Amino acid sequence: MLLLLSVLSIAPAQQPATQPLNTDGNTTLIYLEKAQRLSFDQQRVPDGQLLTGDVRFRHGDALMYCDSAYFFQTTNSFQAFSNIRIVQGDTIFLYGDQLYYDGNSLLATLKHNVRMENSTTTLTTDTLYYDRMRNVAYYLTPGTIADELNSLKSHQAEYHPDTKQAIFKDSVHLTNPNFVMDADTLHYNTVSHVADIVGPTTIVYHGQTTIYSTLGWYNTRTEHSALYNKSLIEHQTQQTLTGDTILYDKPRQFAQVYGHMLLTDTTNHTTLCGNYGYYNQLTGNGMATDSAMAIDWTDSDSLFMHADTLYISRYKALPPPLPDSILAQQPDSMIVENTDTLATNEPDSVNYNTLTAFWNVRLYRRDLQAIADSMFYDSRDSIMHLYREPILWSDNSQITGLNADIYMQNGTVHHAHITGNAIVVQQLDTLHYNQMQGKELYAYVRDKELYRVDVNGNTETVFYPEDDGQLIGVNKTLSSFIKIFFKDKKVERAVLTPMSEGTMYPLDQIDSEELYLSQFFWAKRERPQNQQDIFSATQRTPKKIKQVVSAVSKDQDDDKDDNKNKRNKGGKDGKDGKDNKNLKNLKR
């Protein structure tokens, strides 16, 4: 009798085994192909068959194996136990300790020690749901999907064998031989090995680089990526890079940035900005353009610089056996009041940085402003070189020449060296300017204020001596060398060479053009007024005297008479008790 029941139960296996699954609502039956024993127990398994020993089912193109099972023909389903194995075609294999399979919905639920294999991809978890109708597997308990390159863990995931696409959620952790990736949500393709970043994600290269992003993609095989939404790349060497879009080549450590680039170096206290740029971490070279700006925040008063294009470079070389730049540039005739060196006891090799700015350089700091055609800075000697008729401003003083070198010390200006048609102009009011010009000049700064100017070679000066705050005349001198000392932003005294010539005139007895030296011009409109103003483009003020006088006087005519009445005490003949040939407040 038991043998007859077994034959009757297994008889459906004689039906065609290749019958396709229907997805249009028509149900395909599960076929029992093999079992060593079949029995019934209405108390244990109502309406079910008890199958034991090398059990095998077929449903469509899938074969399902187990040690024992409860088969429910009326509901077209079964429960299987121990050594579960599902084979679908020649690409999908599932394993577990327990299985519940519904032939109507084509849903397989596997539990305990679950493993799914698809080509080179392996999925492991405690409970897995495999929807054969949609050909998708998913788990809601912690699980892992691994391929030949990466292993991804998460609390939830779904895997599509057809497309090889996996979607991970909740505590996603990707492990690669070179890095780890953590995210709340991550999409990953096991063929292309591309991870799609769709939420807060962190990628860590131990001891090298950390990437933070909320949107983008990362090719885990080539380690190329596109990062969006102001992603951040942080290097162990204390450089951080962010921008709207970053194209990052990790093997080359090269990044291109489009939109709101921000490269910050916390070691050197600098920031490089622009709407397009790149940075190479291996070489330390970077570039920014399109609203490019460099910021030096070594000092509490940051320095802001703009140019059409900015380049930064990092080098490693033996330090040159040269004295400190400040000392090296002092003429023998000069009095050196501050001989602190910029660097001492340097190691056998040093890292140093350079900054190069091309075209339309504009610089702003509260105590210093400047413009130039181009600029170069080298951290080894802390010299900022400004080229092609730069203009420097500090308080009410303006310094110009063919080229200028600014010597920095501890993030602040120590002195500036101006060569070629050098001139210092100090504004007294809207009409009168103290002026010193020569072949070259040195301007010294103390506590962020100009306190001394040394002018060499064919020196000419125009000074307005004062008495109780009132201008008493104009003094013009010729000399080969002159030192001017300032106090409270005014001329305190001057030291000239013995062979000097000088004449003082009453203000109303000198032609207006004689008030200005040959190199004089006052570039008020070019001067950056704040850090935003460095992006303003202005035409250069011409140096021709007639044009300059006209430009200076254009908006000052209304004040001219008031200035004369209030400040000129000399009268027409200068008879105010002062000798016109003597230099008030000046010493030879």
Protein backbone atom coordinates (compact mmCIF):
# COMPACT_ATOMS: atom_id res chain seq x y z
CA MET A 1 0.00 0.00 0.00
CA LEU A 2 2.83 2.47 0.94
CA LEU A 3 4.56 1.66 -2.35
CA LEU A 4 1.36 2.45 -4.25
CA LEU A 5 1.03 5.79 -2.52
CA SER A 6 4.61 6.61 -3.39
CA VAL A 7 4.02 5.80 -7.02
CA LEU A 8 0.86 7.89 -7.11
CA SER A 9 2.66 10.89 -5.50
CA ILE A 10 5.63 10.78 -7.80
CA ALA A 11 3.58 10.14 -10.90
CA PRO A 12 3.35 13.85 -11.91
CA ALA A 13 7.06 13.72 -12.59
CA GLN A 14 6.21 12.00 -15.84
CA GLN A 15 4.84 15.36 -17.12
CA PRO A 16 7.11 17.56 -19.30
CA ALA A 17 9.86 18.91 -17.05
CA THR A 18 10.61 21.94 -19.19
CA GLN A 19 7.17 23.53 -18.84
CA PRO A 20 7.79 27.32 -18.62
CA LEU A 21 6.66 29.49 -15.73
CA ASN A 22 3.59 31.56 -16.46
CA THR A 23 3.62 35.18 -15.32
CA ASP A 24 0.20 36.11 -16.71
CA GLY A 25 -1.80 34.65 -13.86
CA ASN A 26 -1.81 31.00 -14.93
CA THR A 27 -0.14 28.82 -12.32
CA THR A 28 2.54 26.26 -13.12
CA LEU A 29 2.54 23.20 -10.88
CA ILE A 30 5.45 22.07 -8.76
CA TYR A 31 6.58 18.57 -9.70
CA LEU A 32 8.05 16.12 -7.23
CA GLU A 33 10.70 14.25 -9.18
CA LYS A 34 12.35 12.18 -6.51
CA ALA A 35 12.10 11.06 -2.87
CA GLN A 36 13.22 7.91 -1.11
CA ARG A 37 10.16 7.85 1.11
CA LEU A 38 6.69 9.39 1.06
CA SER A 39 4.18 9.29 3.93
CA PHE A 40 1.19 11.12 5.41
CA ASP A 41 0.56 12.42 8.93
CA GLN A 42 -2.58 14.52 9.23
CA GLN A 43 -1.74 15.55 12.78
CA ARG A 44 1.75 16.78 11.98
CA VAL A 45 1.19 18.03 8.44
CA PRO A 46 -2.47 18.39 7.54
CA ASP A 47 -3.07 18.11 3.78
CA GLY A 48 0.65 17.55 3.21
CA GLN A 49 2.99 14.84 2.12
CA LEU A 50 6.04 13.96 4.21
CA LEU A 51 9.05 13.41 1.97
CA THR A 52 12.46 12.18 3.10
CA GLY A 53 15.70 11.09 1.51
CA ASP A 54 17.26 12.84 -1.47
CA VAL A 55 14.17 14.90 -2.29
CA ARG A 56 14.04 16.77 -5.61
CA PHE A 57 11.41 19.19 -6.95
CA ARG A 58 11.11 20.85 -10.32
CA HIS A 59 9.35 24.12 -11.02
CA GLY A 60 9.84 25.56 -14.46
CA ASP A 61 13.57 25.72 -15.14
CA ALA A 62 14.50 25.42 -11.46
CA LEU A 63 15.50 22.27 -9.59
CA MET A 64 15.19 22.25 -5.79
CA TYR A 65 16.93 19.70 -3.54
CA CYS A 66 16.68 18.91 0.17
CA ASP A 67 16.92 16.05 2.69
CA SER A 68 13.23 16.24 3.68
CA ALA A 69 10.13 18.26 2.86
CA TYR A 70 6.43 18.87 3.46
CA PHE A 71 4.73 19.03 0.08
CA PHE A 72 1.32 20.72 -0.24
CA GLN A 73 -0.08 19.97 -3.68
CA THR A 74 -3.34 21.81 -2.99
CA THR A 75 -1.53 25.11 -2.41
CA ASN A 76 1.29 24.38 -4.86
CA SER A 77 3.97 24.93 -2.21
CA PHE A 78 6.38 23.06 0.01
CA GLN A 79 8.66 23.40 3.02
CA ALA A 80 12.13 21.90 2.78
CA PHE A 81 14.71 21.07 5.44
CA SER A 82 18.45 20.48 5.53
CA ASN A 83 20.94 20.72 2.67
CA ILE A 84 18.76 23.02 0.65
CA ARG A 85 19.92 23.61 -2.88
CA ILE A 86 18.18 25.48 -5.71
CA VAL A 87 19.59 25.38 -9.22
CA GLN A 88 18.13 27.76 -11.78
CA GLY A 89 19.61 27.36 -15.22
CA ASP A 90 23.39 27.28 -15.08
CA THR A 91 23.95 30.65 -13.40
CA ILE A 92 22.01 30.79 -10.11
CA PHE A 93 22.62 28.50 -7.14
CA LEU A 94 21.05 28.94 -3.69
CA TYR A 95 21.85 27.08 -0.47
CA GLY A 96 20.42 27.08 3.04
CA ASP A 97 19.10 25.03 5.97
CA GLN A 98 15.38 25.71 5.44
CA LEU A 99 13.22 26.69 2.48
CA TYR A 100 9.63 27.68 1.98
CA TYR A 101 8.61 27.86 -1.67
CA ASP A 102 5.33 29.15 -3.09
CA GLY A 103 4.80 27.97 -6.65
CA ASN A 104 2.01 30.47 -7.23
CA SER A 105 3.99 33.62 -6.36
CA LEU A 106 7.34 32.04 -7.31
CA LEU A 107 8.79 33.29 -4.02
CA ALA A 108 11.47 31.25 -2.24
CA THR A 109 12.31 32.02 1.37
CA LEU A 110 15.59 30.51 2.59
CA LYS A 111 16.79 30.61 6.19
CA HIS A 112 19.97 29.91 8.12
CA ASN A 113 23.40 29.72 6.51
CA VAL A 114 21.96 31.06 3.28
CA ARG A 115 24.25 31.41 0.29
CA MET A 116 23.46 32.52 -3.26
CA GLU A 117 25.97 32.14 -6.08
CA ASN A 118 25.69 33.89 -9.42
CA SER A 119 28.72 33.75 -11.67
CA THR A 120 31.51 35.39 -9.59
CA THR A 121 29.09 36.90 -7.07
CA THR A 122 28.27 35.30 -3.73
CA LEU A 123 25.51 36.46 -1.38
CA THR A 124 25.36 35.28 2.24
CA THR A 125 22.80 36.07 4.93
CA ASP A 126 20.56 34.47 7.53
CA THR A 127 17.25 34.95 5.66
CA LEU A 128 16.94 35.46 1.92
CA TYR A 129 13.89 36.09 -0.23
CA TYR A 130 14.24 35.10 -3.88
CA ASP A 131 11.51 36.30 -6.22
CA ARG A 132 11.85 34.08 -9.29
CA MET A 133 9.16 36.00 -11.17
CA ARG A 134 11.17 39.27 -11.02
CA ASN A 135 14.49 37.44 -10.70
CA VAL A 136 15.55 39.44 -7.68
CA ALA A 137 16.95 38.34 -4.33
CA TYR A 138 16.76 40.45 -1.19
CA TYR A 139 17.43 40.22 2.53
CA LEU A 140 16.23 42.25 5.52
CA THR A 141 18.79 40.93 8.00
CA PRO A 142 22.55 41.59 7.95
CA GLY A 143 24.12 40.07 4.88
CA THR A 144 27.08 40.19 2.52
CA ILE A 145 27.49 40.30 -1.25
CA ALA A 146 31.00 39.62 -2.51
CA ASP A 147 32.64 39.39 -5.91
CA GLU A 148 36.24 38.76 -6.94
CA LEU A 149 37.17 42.34 -5.99
CA ASN A 150 34.92 43.66 -3.21
CA SER A 151 32.88 42.53 -0.25
CA LEU A 152 29.79 44.57 0.71
CA LYS A 153 27.92 44.21 3.98
CA SER A 154 24.61 45.81 4.92
CA HIS A 155 21.47 45.28 6.97
CA GLN A 156 19.28 45.28 3.86
CA ALA A 157 19.97 44.64 0.19
CA GLU A 158 18.53 43.41 -3.07
CA TYR A 159 20.40 41.77 -5.90
CA HIS A 160 19.34 41.49 -9.55
CA PRO A 161 21.12 38.54 -11.24
CA ASP A 162 20.11 39.71 -14.74
CA THR A 163 21.74 43.13 -14.48
CA LYS A 164 24.26 42.24 -11.75
CA GLN A 165 23.05 45.34 -9.91
CA ALA A 166 22.82 45.38 -6.11
CA ILE A 167 21.15 47.98 -3.90
CA PHE A 168 22.37 48.20 -0.30
CA LYS A 169 20.72 50.02 2.58
CA ASP A 170 21.46 50.63 6.24
CA SER A 171 25.03 50.44 7.53
CA VAL A 172 26.65 49.64 4.19
CA HIS A 173 30.32 48.67 4.41
CA LEU A 174 32.41 47.92 1.31
CA THR A 175 35.82 46.33 1.74
CA ASN A 176 38.45 46.52 -1.00
CA PRO A 177 42.16 45.59 -0.76
CA ASN A 178 43.02 49.29 -1.07
CA PHE A 179 40.20 51.06 0.75
CA VAL A 180 36.93 50.78 2.68
CA MET A 181 33.66 52.52 1.90
CA ASP A 182 30.84 53.25 4.34
CA ALA A 183 27.40 54.54 3.40
CA ASP A 184 23.76 54.57 4.37
CA THR A 185 22.69 53.65 0.84
CA LEU A 186 24.83 52.37 -2.02
CA HIS A 187 24.23 50.93 -5.51
CA TYR A 188 26.83 48.52 -6.86
CA ASN A 189 27.34 46.54 -10.06
CA THR A 190 29.26 43.27 -9.70
CA VAL A 191 30.41 43.30 -13.34
CA SER A 192 31.56 46.91 -13.79
CA HIS A 193 32.52 47.16 -10.10
CA VAL A 194 31.11 50.69 -10.08
CA ALA A 195 29.56 51.92 -6.85
CA ASP A 196 26.90 54.60 -7.29
CA ILE A 197 26.91 57.05 -4.38
CA VAL A 198 23.34 58.07 -3.56
CA GLY A 199 23.68 59.20 0.05
CA PRO A 200 26.28 60.20 2.68
CA THR A 201 29.35 58.09 1.88
CA THR A 202 32.88 57.90 3.25
CA ILE A 203 35.81 56.29 1.39
CA VAL A 204 38.99 55.77 3.38
CA TYR A 205 42.43 54.89 2.03
CA HIS A 206 44.26 54.09 5.24
CA GLY A 207 47.09 56.50 5.85
CA GLN A 208 46.45 58.38 2.61
CA THR A 209 43.11 59.84 1.62
CA THR A 210 39.53 60.16 2.85
CA ILE A 211 36.63 61.03 0.53
CA TYR A 212 33.25 62.36 1.67
CA SER A 213 30.40 62.49 -0.84
CA THR A 214 26.62 62.36 -1.10
CA LEU A 215 26.31 61.86 -4.86
CA GLY A 216 28.47 60.40 -7.59
CA TRP A 217 30.08 57.16 -8.70
CA TYR A 218 33.28 55.31 -7.86
CA ASN A 219 34.89 52.64 -10.03
CA THR A 220 36.38 50.29 -7.46
CA ARG A 221 38.56 48.55 -10.07
CA THR A 222 40.19 51.60 -11.70
CA GLU A 223 39.68 53.84 -8.64
CA HIS A 224 38.38 56.61 -10.88
CA SER A 225 35.38 58.58 -9.64
CA ALA A 226 33.02 61.45 -10.32
CA LEU A 227 31.91 63.21 -7.15
CA TYR A 228 29.13 65.80 -7.04
CA ASN A 229 27.37 68.13 -4.57
CA LYS A 230 30.48 69.67 -3.02
CA SER A 231 32.18 66.41 -2.18
CA LEU A 232 35.36 66.56 -0.08
CA ILE A 233 38.75 64.87 -0.57
CA GLU A 234 40.98 65.00 2.48
CA HIS A 235 44.65 64.02 2.29
CA GLN A 236 46.77 62.86 5.21
CA THR A 237 49.23 65.63 4.35
CA GLN A 238 46.61 68.13 5.57
CA GLN A 239 45.23 69.22 2.19
CA THR A 240 41.48 69.19 1.57
CA LEU A 241 39.76 69.63 -1.78
CA THR A 242 36.09 70.35 -2.44
CA GLY A 243 33.96 71.55 -5.35
CA ASP A 244 30.67 71.18 -7.16
CA THR A 245 32.05 68.38 -9.36
CA ILE A 246 35.31 66.50 -8.80
CA LEU A 247 36.76 64.02 -11.31
CA TYR A 248 39.25 62.05 -9.24
CA ASP A 249 41.95 59.64 -10.43
CA LYS A 250 43.13 58.00 -7.22
CA PRO A 251 46.13 56.05 -8.65
CA ARG A 252 47.54 59.31 -10.01
CA GLN A 253 46.10 61.25 -7.06
CA PHE A 254 44.93 63.81 -9.59
CA ALA A 255 41.65 65.71 -9.28
CA GLN A 256 39.89 68.08 -11.66
CA VAL A 257 37.31 70.39 -10.11
CA TYR A 258 34.43 72.19 -11.82
CA GLY A 259 32.59 74.87 -9.87
CA HIS A 260 33.48 76.40 -6.49
CA MET A 261 36.86 74.71 -6.15
CA LEU A 262 38.37 75.08 -2.68
CA LEU A 263 41.84 73.63 -1.98
CA THR A 264 42.92 74.18 1.62
CA ASP A 265 46.38 73.42 3.05
CA THR A 266 46.20 73.53 6.85
CA THR A 267 49.95 72.96 7.18
CA ASN A 268 50.88 76.05 5.17
CA HIS A 269 47.70 77.96 6.09
CA THR A 270 46.69 78.61 2.49
CA THR A 271 43.55 78.21 0.40
CA LEU A 272 43.22 78.14 -3.40
CA CYS A 273 39.82 78.89 -4.98
CA GLY A 274 38.34 79.04 -8.47
CA ASN A 275 35.50 77.84 -10.66
CA TYR A 276 37.85 75.43 -12.44
CA GLY A 277 41.09 73.90 -11.34
CA TYR A 278 43.08 70.78 -10.63
CA TYR A 279 45.33 69.37 -7.93
CA ASN A 280 47.95 66.61 -8.03
CA GLN A 281 48.62 65.27 -4.56
CA LEU A 282 51.73 63.35 -5.66
CA THR A 283 53.50 66.40 -7.07
CA GLY A 284 51.79 69.07 -5.00
CA ASN A 285 50.95 71.01 -8.16
CA GLY A 286 47.61 72.75 -8.51
CA MET A 287 45.87 75.34 -10.64
CA ALA A 288 42.81 77.56 -10.32
CA THR A 289 41.18 79.85 -12.84
CA ASP A 290 37.84 81.56 -13.45
CA SER A 291 37.44 83.82 -10.39
CA ALA A 292 40.68 82.38 -9.01
CA MET A 293 41.73 83.44 -5.51
CA ALA A 294 44.53 82.48 -3.12
CA ILE A 295 44.20 83.10 0.62
CA ASP A 296 47.09 83.13 3.08
CA TRP A 297 45.80 82.88 6.66
CA THR A 298 49.17 82.45 8.38
CA ASP A 299 48.55 85.74 10.16
CA SER A 300 45.32 86.65 11.93
CA ASP A 301 44.85 89.21 9.14
CA SER A 302 44.41 87.05 6.03
CA LEU A 303 45.86 88.01 2.65
CA PHE A 304 43.59 87.63 -0.42
CA MET A 305 45.00 87.46 -3.94
CA HIS A 306 43.21 87.25 -7.30
CA ALA A 307 44.57 86.68 -10.80
CA ASP A 308 43.32 85.25 -14.05
CA THR A 309 45.18 82.00 -13.28
CA LEU A 310 46.93 80.81 -10.13
CA TYR A 311 49.43 77.94 -9.92
CA ILE A 312 50.77 76.27 -6.78
CA SER A 313 53.72 73.87 -6.70
CA ARG A 314 55.46 71.82 -4.03
CA TYR A 315 59.11 70.82 -4.24
CA LYS A 316 61.56 68.83 -2.20
CA ALA A 317 65.18 69.85 -2.46
CA LEU A 318 68.32 70.51 -0.50
CA PRO A 319 68.22 73.95 1.07
CA PRO A 320 70.55 76.37 -0.71
CA PRO A 321 73.49 77.60 1.37
CA LEU A 322 72.28 81.18 1.24
CA PRO A 323 71.81 83.69 4.07
CA ASP A 324 68.37 84.83 5.08
CA SER A 325 66.67 86.75 2.29
CA ILE A 326 66.18 89.80 4.43
CA LEU A 327 69.86 90.03 5.28
CA ALA A 328 70.98 89.16 1.78
CA GLN A 329 69.15 92.10 0.26
CA GLN A 330 70.47 94.80 2.62
CA PRO A 331 72.90 97.30 1.06
CA ASP A 332 75.98 97.98 3.14
CA SER A 333 74.88 101.55 3.68
CA MET A 334 71.58 100.60 5.26
CA ILE A 335 70.80 100.37 8.92
CA VAL A 336 69.39 96.92 9.65
CA GLU A 337 67.09 97.06 12.63
CA ASN A 338 65.61 93.55 12.46
CA THR A 339 67.92 90.65 11.65
CA ASP A 340 65.69 87.73 12.62
CA THR A 341 66.14 84.92 10.13
CA LEU A 342 63.22 83.32 8.39
CA ALA A 343 64.46 79.77 8.98
CA THR A 344 67.27 78.09 10.92
CA ASN A 345 68.52 74.58 11.49
CA GLU A 346 66.86 73.25 8.34
CA PRO A 347 66.98 69.48 7.73
CA ASP A 348 68.97 67.83 4.96
CA SER A 349 65.96 68.12 2.64
CA VAL A 350 63.04 70.50 2.82
CA ASN A 351 59.62 70.84 1.28
CA TYR A 352 58.88 74.25 -0.11
CA ASN A 353 55.97 75.74 -2.00
CA THR A 354 55.62 78.28 -4.78
CA LEU A 355 52.67 80.33 -5.93
CA THR A 356 52.56 81.82 -9.43
CA ALA A 357 49.89 84.29 -10.55
CA PHE A 358 49.42 85.28 -14.17
CA TRP A 359 47.71 88.41 -15.40
CA ASN A 360 45.78 91.05 -13.52
CA VAL A 361 47.03 90.30 -10.04
CA ARG A 362 45.10 92.05 -7.26
CA LEU A 363 45.95 91.64 -3.58
CA TYR A 364 44.20 92.75 -0.42
CA ARG A 365 45.01 92.71 3.26
CA ARG A 366 43.99 95.34 5.77
CA ASP A 367 47.53 96.71 6.05
CA LEU A 368 48.62 96.10 2.43
CA GLN A 369 47.04 96.22 -1.01
CA ALA A 370 48.71 95.69 -4.37
CA ILE A 371 48.14 95.15 -8.08
CA ALA A 372 50.53 93.83 -10.73
CA ASP A 373 50.64 92.08 -14.06
CA SER A 374 52.00 88.84 -12.57
CA MET A 375 53.46 87.47 -9.34
CA PHE A 376 55.73 84.70 -8.04
CA TYR A 377 56.20 83.59 -4.42
CA ASP A 378 58.72 81.08 -3.04
CA SER A 379 58.37 79.85 0.53
CA ARG A 380 62.12 79.15 0.80
CA ASP A 381 62.98 82.82 1.00
CA SER A 382 59.47 84.16 1.67
CA ILE A 383 59.75 86.71 -1.15
CA MET A 384 56.75 87.80 -3.20
CA HIS A 385 57.90 89.05 -6.62
CA LEU A 386 55.54 91.46 -8.41
CA TYR A 387 56.21 92.17 -12.07
CA ARG A 388 55.45 94.86 -14.68
CA GLU A 389 54.70 98.12 -12.93
CA PRO A 390 53.14 96.90 -9.70
CA ILE A 391 51.44 99.31 -7.30
CA LEU A 392 51.50 98.85 -3.53
CA TRP A 393 49.40 100.71 -0.97
CA SER A 394 49.66 100.92 2.80
CA ASP A 395 47.51 103.38 4.72
CA ASN A 396 47.92 106.71 2.89
CA SER A 397 51.09 105.67 1.03
CA GLN A 398 51.48 104.34 -2.50
CA ILE A 399 54.64 102.69 -3.87
CA THR A 400 55.30 101.92 -7.54
CA GLY A 401 58.13 100.88 -9.85
CA LEU A 402 58.93 98.55 -12.71
CA ASN A 403 59.14 95.53 -10.37
CA ALA A 404 58.71 94.91 -6.66
CA ASP A 405 59.87 92.28 -4.18
CA ILE A 406 57.96 91.95 -0.91
CA TYR A 407 59.88 90.21 1.87
CA MET A 408 57.64 88.34 4.29
CA GLN A 409 58.48 87.27 7.82
CA ASN A 410 56.16 85.13 9.94
CA GLY A 411 53.28 85.89 7.61
CA THR A 412 53.70 89.67 7.73
CA VAL A 413 55.51 92.16 5.50
CA HIS A 414 59.03 93.00 6.67
CA HIS A 415 60.10 95.24 3.80
CA ALA A 416 59.67 95.80 0.07
CA HIS A 417 62.33 96.40 -2.59
CA ILE A 418 61.19 98.44 -5.61
CA THR A 419 63.38 98.68 -8.72
CA GLY A 420 63.16 100.85 -11.82
CA ASN A 421 61.50 104.27 -11.67
CA ALA A 422 60.65 103.69 -8.01
CA ILE A 423 58.46 106.24 -6.27
CA VAL A 424 56.69 106.56 -2.93
CA VAL A 425 53.68 108.84 -2.73
CA GLN A 426 52.03 109.78 0.56
CA GLN A 427 48.67 111.51 0.38
CA LEU A 428 48.24 114.46 2.73
CA ASP A 429 44.90 115.64 1.41
CA THR A 430 43.02 115.59 -1.87
CA LEU A 431 45.57 117.89 -3.53
CA HIS A 432 48.95 117.54 -1.80
CA TYR A 433 51.25 114.51 -1.81
CA ASN A 434 54.69 113.87 -0.32
CA GLN A 435 56.82 112.14 -2.98
CA MET A 436 60.20 110.36 -3.16
CA GLN A 437 61.54 108.82 -6.34
CA GLY A 438 64.77 107.24 -7.52
CA LYS A 439 66.23 104.23 -9.29
CA GLU A 440 65.29 101.92 -6.43
CA LEU A 441 63.85 102.11 -2.96
CA TYR A 442 63.41 100.00 0.16
CA ALA A 443 60.27 100.41 2.25
CA TYR A 444 60.34 98.97 5.79
CA VAL A 445 57.32 97.94 7.80
CA ARG A 446 57.02 97.59 11.57
CA ASP A 447 53.84 96.52 13.33
CA LYS A 448 52.11 96.61 9.94
CA GLU A 449 52.94 100.31 9.44
CA LEU A 450 55.45 101.94 7.11
CA TYR A 451 58.21 103.44 9.25
CA ARG A 452 61.21 103.97 6.92
CA VAL A 453 61.93 104.42 3.21
CA ASP A 454 65.42 104.38 1.68
CA VAL A 455 65.71 105.74 -1.87
CA ASN A 456 68.84 105.26 -4.01
CA GLY A 457 70.01 106.82 -7.27
CA ASN A 458 69.03 110.22 -8.67
CA THR A 459 66.72 110.79 -5.75
CA GLU A 460 64.11 113.51 -6.01
CA THR A 461 61.65 114.51 -3.33
CA VAL A 462 58.66 116.74 -2.88
CA PHE A 463 57.71 117.38 0.75
CA TYR A 464 55.17 119.58 2.46
CA PRO A 465 56.57 120.69 5.84
CA GLU A 466 53.94 121.21 8.52
CA ASP A 467 53.63 123.46 11.52
CA ASP A 468 50.93 122.62 14.04
CA GLY A 469 49.21 120.47 11.47
CA GLN A 470 49.24 123.14 8.78
CA LEU A 471 51.19 123.00 5.49
CA ILE A 472 53.67 125.86 5.34
CA GLY A 473 55.15 125.30 1.89
CA VAL A 474 56.56 122.73 -0.51
CA ASN A 475 60.18 121.58 -0.46
CA LYS A 476 61.90 120.00 -3.48
CA THR A 477 65.26 118.25 -3.15
CA LEU A 478 67.80 116.46 -5.34
CA SER A 479 70.16 113.87 -3.83
CA SER A 480 71.90 110.59 -4.55
CA PHE A 481 70.44 108.89 -1.48
CA ILE A 482 67.81 109.68 1.11
CA LYS A 483 66.29 108.01 4.16
CA ILE A 484 62.84 109.03 5.27
CA PHE A 485 61.48 108.08 8.72
CA PHE A 486 57.76 108.04 9.43
CA LYS A 487 55.86 108.31 12.68
CA ASP A 488 52.10 108.20 13.10
CA LYS A 489 51.79 107.94 9.30
CA LYS A 490 53.62 111.27 8.81
CA VAL A 491 57.16 112.20 7.83
CA GLU A 492 59.20 112.58 11.03
CA ARG A 493 62.66 113.29 9.61
CA ALA A 494 64.84 112.75 6.56
CA VAL A 495 68.54 111.99 6.16
CA LEU A 496 70.18 113.09 2.86
CA THR A 497 73.68 112.69 1.45
CA PRO A 498 75.98 115.69 2.06
CA MET A 499 75.84 116.73 -1.59
CA SER A 500 72.15 117.55 -1.80
CA GLU A 501 70.14 120.44 -3.16
CA GLY A 502 66.85 121.65 -1.82
CA THR A 503 64.48 124.59 -2.13
CA MET A 504 61.25 125.36 -0.33
CA TYR A 505 58.52 127.39 -2.04
CA PRO A 506 55.35 129.02 -0.78
CA LEU A 507 52.43 126.99 -2.00
CA ASP A 508 50.92 129.85 -3.98
CA GLN A 509 54.21 130.65 -5.78
CA ILE A 510 54.76 127.32 -7.55
CA ASP A 511 53.15 126.02 -10.71
CA SER A 512 50.72 123.16 -10.12
CA GLU A 513 52.68 120.79 -12.34
CA GLU A 514 55.80 121.45 -10.26
CA LEU A 515 54.00 119.82 -7.33
CA TYR A 516 54.46 116.41 -8.92
CA LEU A 517 57.59 114.42 -9.75
CA SER A 518 58.05 112.85 -13.16
CA GLN A 519 56.93 109.38 -12.01
CA PHE A 520 53.98 110.62 -9.96
CA PHE A 521 50.48 109.27 -10.34
CA TRP A 522 47.81 108.53 -7.77
CA ALA A 523 45.90 105.31 -8.52
CA LYS A 524 42.95 105.62 -6.21
CA ARG A 525 40.43 103.76 -8.34
CA GLU A 526 42.71 100.72 -8.84
CA ARG A 527 43.22 100.16 -5.12
CA PRO A 528 41.36 97.09 -3.76
CA GLN A 529 39.05 98.23 -0.99
CA ASN A 530 38.18 94.81 0.47
CA GLN A 531 38.54 91.11 -0.26
CA GLN A 532 35.59 91.14 -2.69
CA ASP A 533 37.05 94.09 -4.57
CA ILE A 534 40.04 92.05 -5.75
CA PHE A 535 37.74 90.70 -8.49
CA SER A 536 37.01 94.19 -9.83
CA ALA A 537 38.67 95.08 -13.12
CA THR A 538 39.86 98.68 -13.57
CA GLN A 539 42.01 100.45 -16.16
CA ARG A 540 45.44 101.60 -15.04
CA THR A 541 45.88 105.28 -14.26
CA PRO A 542 48.31 106.90 -16.78
CA LYS A 543 51.58 108.40 -15.60
CA LYS A 544 51.59 111.45 -17.86
CA ILE A 545 51.70 114.50 -15.64
CA LYS A 546 49.06 116.54 -17.39
CA GLN A 547 46.66 113.64 -17.36
CA VAL A 548 47.49 112.88 -13.76
CA VAL A 549 47.01 116.45 -12.57
CA SER A 550 43.74 116.57 -14.41
CA ALA A 551 42.62 113.26 -12.98
CA VAL A 552 43.66 114.18 -9.45
CA SER A 553 42.03 117.58 -9.67
CA LYS A 554 38.88 116.51 -11.45
CA ASP A 555 36.85 115.87 -8.31
CA GLN A 556 38.92 118.19 -6.09
CA ASP A 557 38.31 121.63 -7.56
CA ASP A 558 35.65 122.35 -4.99
CA ASP A 559 38.11 121.60 -2.18
CA LYS A 560 41.12 123.44 -3.63
CA ASP A 561 40.34 126.90 -2.27
CA ASP A 562 39.39 125.52 1.14
CA ASN A 563 42.65 123.62 1.34
CA LYS A 564 44.66 126.74 0.57
CA ASN A 565 42.82 128.90 3.07
CA LYS A 566 42.99 126.36 5.86
CA ARG A 567 46.47 124.93 5.42
CA ASN A 568 48.73 127.45 3.60
CA LYS A 569 50.26 129.91 6.04
CA GLY A 570 53.22 131.13 3.99
CA GLY A 571 51.49 133.95 2.05
CA LYS A 572 52.63 135.16 -1.33
CA ASP A 573 56.15 136.08 -0.29
CA GLY A 574 56.53 133.37 2.29
CA LYS A 575 57.36 135.85 5.06
CA ASP A 576 56.11 133.94 8.04
CA GLY A 577 59.36 133.94 10.00
CA LYS A 578 60.66 130.81 8.14
CA ASP A 579 63.55 130.76 5.69
CA ASN A 580 62.29 129.24 2.42
CA LYS A 581 65.65 127.54 1.90
CA ASN A 582 65.49 125.73 5.20
CA LEU A 583 63.77 122.35 5.31
CA LYS A 584 61.18 122.16 8.04
CA ASN A 585 61.46 118.78 9.83
CA LEU A 586 64.24 117.69 7.44
CA LYS A 587 67.91 117.09 8.25
CA ARG A 588 70.80 116.64 5.84
